[in-house]
Amino acid sequence: MVYKITAEADRQYVEEFRAKPMGDHSPGLQRVLNIMRAYRGGDQVILIARREFADFVIGRMPPLREDPIVIEDTRTFSTREEAEWALFCRRWREHTGEDIE
C-alpha cells in the first residue's frame, strides 16, 4: 500500500520544509517528499534552472518523454530555496487540495 499524503496528518512537515528546503530531513518529511516527487504516470511538476545557481522556473514534464517540457516562465525565482518552496506548495496542493499560502 502506497502512503497517501493528507493535510491533517502531514501538515506538521510544512514548516520543517519551509525552514530547511534542502539537506537532511526528518523521516516523516522525507516520506512526504518521496511521495510528492514520485512519477505518477502523468504530468510531473519539476524545477528547472535556466542558469546555474540562479534563475529558476517551474516546469511540467509530460507523460510521454518524447514530448517537450512545458516551462512556466510567468514566475521566476532567484534562489533554489525560493523555487523549492514554490514547488513544494504546488505539490502540496496537488496532493491535499489545500493551499499553504
Protein backbone atom coordinates (compact mmCIF):
# COMPACT_ATOMS: atom_id res chain seq x y z
CA MET A 1 0.00 0.00 0.00
CA VAL A 2 1.38 3.41 -1.01
CA TYR A 3 1.32 6.16 1.59
CA LYS A 4 -1.18 8.93 0.82
CA ILE A 5 -0.38 12.47 1.92
CA THR A 6 -3.16 14.14 3.89
CA ALA A 7 -3.25 17.71 5.17
CA GLU A 8 -4.34 16.58 8.64
CA ALA A 9 -1.58 14.01 9.15
CA ASP A 10 1.26 15.73 7.30
CA ARG A 11 0.75 19.46 7.89
CA GLN A 12 3.36 19.23 10.65
CA TYR A 13 6.07 18.87 7.98
CA VAL A 14 5.23 22.07 6.10
CA GLU A 15 7.13 24.37 8.48
CA GLU A 16 10.05 21.94 8.64
CA PHE A 17 10.37 22.13 4.86
CA ARG A 18 9.93 25.91 4.79
CA ALA A 19 12.76 26.31 7.32
CA LYS A 20 15.07 23.88 5.52
CA PRO A 21 14.07 23.07 1.93
CA MET A 22 17.36 21.32 1.15
CA GLY A 23 19.50 18.95 3.16
CA ASP A 24 18.67 16.30 5.71
CA HIS A 25 15.01 15.98 6.69
CA SER A 26 13.15 14.07 9.35
CA PRO A 27 11.91 10.63 8.30
CA GLY A 28 8.33 11.94 8.16
CA LEU A 29 9.17 14.86 5.88
CA GLN A 30 11.37 12.65 3.71
CA ARG A 31 8.43 10.24 3.26
CA VAL A 32 6.20 13.16 2.19
CA LEU A 33 8.85 14.44 -0.25
CA ASN A 34 9.36 10.97 -1.74
CA ILE A 35 5.63 10.70 -2.47
CA MET A 36 5.48 14.25 -3.88
CA ARG A 37 8.48 13.67 -6.15
CA ALA A 38 7.47 10.23 -7.41
CA TYR A 39 6.42 9.92 -11.01
CA ARG A 40 2.71 9.09 -11.12
CA GLY A 41 2.29 8.38 -14.81
CA GLY A 42 1.03 11.82 -15.78
CA ASP A 43 2.42 15.31 -15.86
CA GLN A 44 5.15 15.82 -13.29
CA VAL A 45 5.91 19.26 -11.85
CA ILE A 46 9.66 19.88 -11.83
CA LEU A 47 12.19 22.58 -11.05
CA ILE A 48 14.32 23.95 -13.90
CA ALA A 49 17.46 26.06 -13.51
CA ARG A 50 17.78 28.29 -16.57
CA ARG A 51 21.15 29.49 -15.27
CA GLU A 52 23.35 27.58 -12.85
CA PHE A 53 22.55 28.55 -9.24
CA ALA A 54 20.18 31.30 -10.43
CA ASP A 55 17.03 31.95 -12.44
CA PHE A 56 14.79 29.01 -11.58
CA VAL A 57 11.37 28.26 -13.06
CA ILE A 58 8.76 25.56 -12.63
CA GLY A 59 8.03 23.24 -15.50
CA ARG A 60 5.88 20.24 -16.34
CA MET A 61 7.34 17.05 -17.66
CA PRO A 62 4.76 15.40 -19.92
CA PRO A 63 3.68 11.76 -19.61
CA LEU A 64 5.43 10.91 -22.88
CA ARG A 65 9.14 11.65 -22.54
CA GLU A 66 9.48 12.44 -26.23
CA ASP A 67 7.13 15.42 -25.76
CA PRO A 68 8.71 18.73 -24.78
CA ILE A 69 8.86 20.01 -21.21
CA VAL A 70 6.46 22.91 -20.69
CA ILE A 71 8.15 25.80 -18.88
CA GLU A 72 6.04 28.14 -16.77
CA ASP A 73 8.02 31.35 -17.15
CA THR A 74 5.41 33.66 -15.62
CA ARG A 75 7.21 33.41 -12.28
CA THR A 76 10.97 33.14 -11.83
CA PHE A 77 12.98 32.55 -8.67
CA SER A 78 16.42 33.92 -7.93
CA THR A 79 17.35 31.22 -5.40
CA ARG A 80 16.84 27.50 -5.31
CA GLU A 81 15.31 27.77 -1.84
CA GLU A 82 12.54 30.08 -3.14
CA ALA A 83 11.92 27.76 -6.07
CA GLU A 84 11.85 24.63 -3.90
CA TRP A 85 9.29 26.27 -1.60
CA ALA A 86 7.04 27.24 -4.53
CA LEU A 87 7.32 23.71 -5.92
CA PHE A 88 6.50 22.23 -2.51
CA CYS A 89 3.41 24.45 -2.26
CA ARG A 90 2.27 23.36 -5.73
CA ARG A 91 2.78 19.68 -4.98
CA TRP A 92 1.10 20.04 -1.58
CA ARG A 93 -2.00 21.47 -3.26
CA GLU A 94 -1.98 18.66 -5.84
CA HIS A 95 -1.86 16.00 -3.11
CA THR A 96 -4.07 17.55 -0.44
CA GLY A 97 -6.24 20.11 -2.22
CA GLU A 98 -5.10 22.66 0.36
CA ASP A 99 -3.22 25.90 -0.32
CA ILE A 100 -0.36 26.62 2.05
CA GLU A 101 -0.06 30.32 1.34
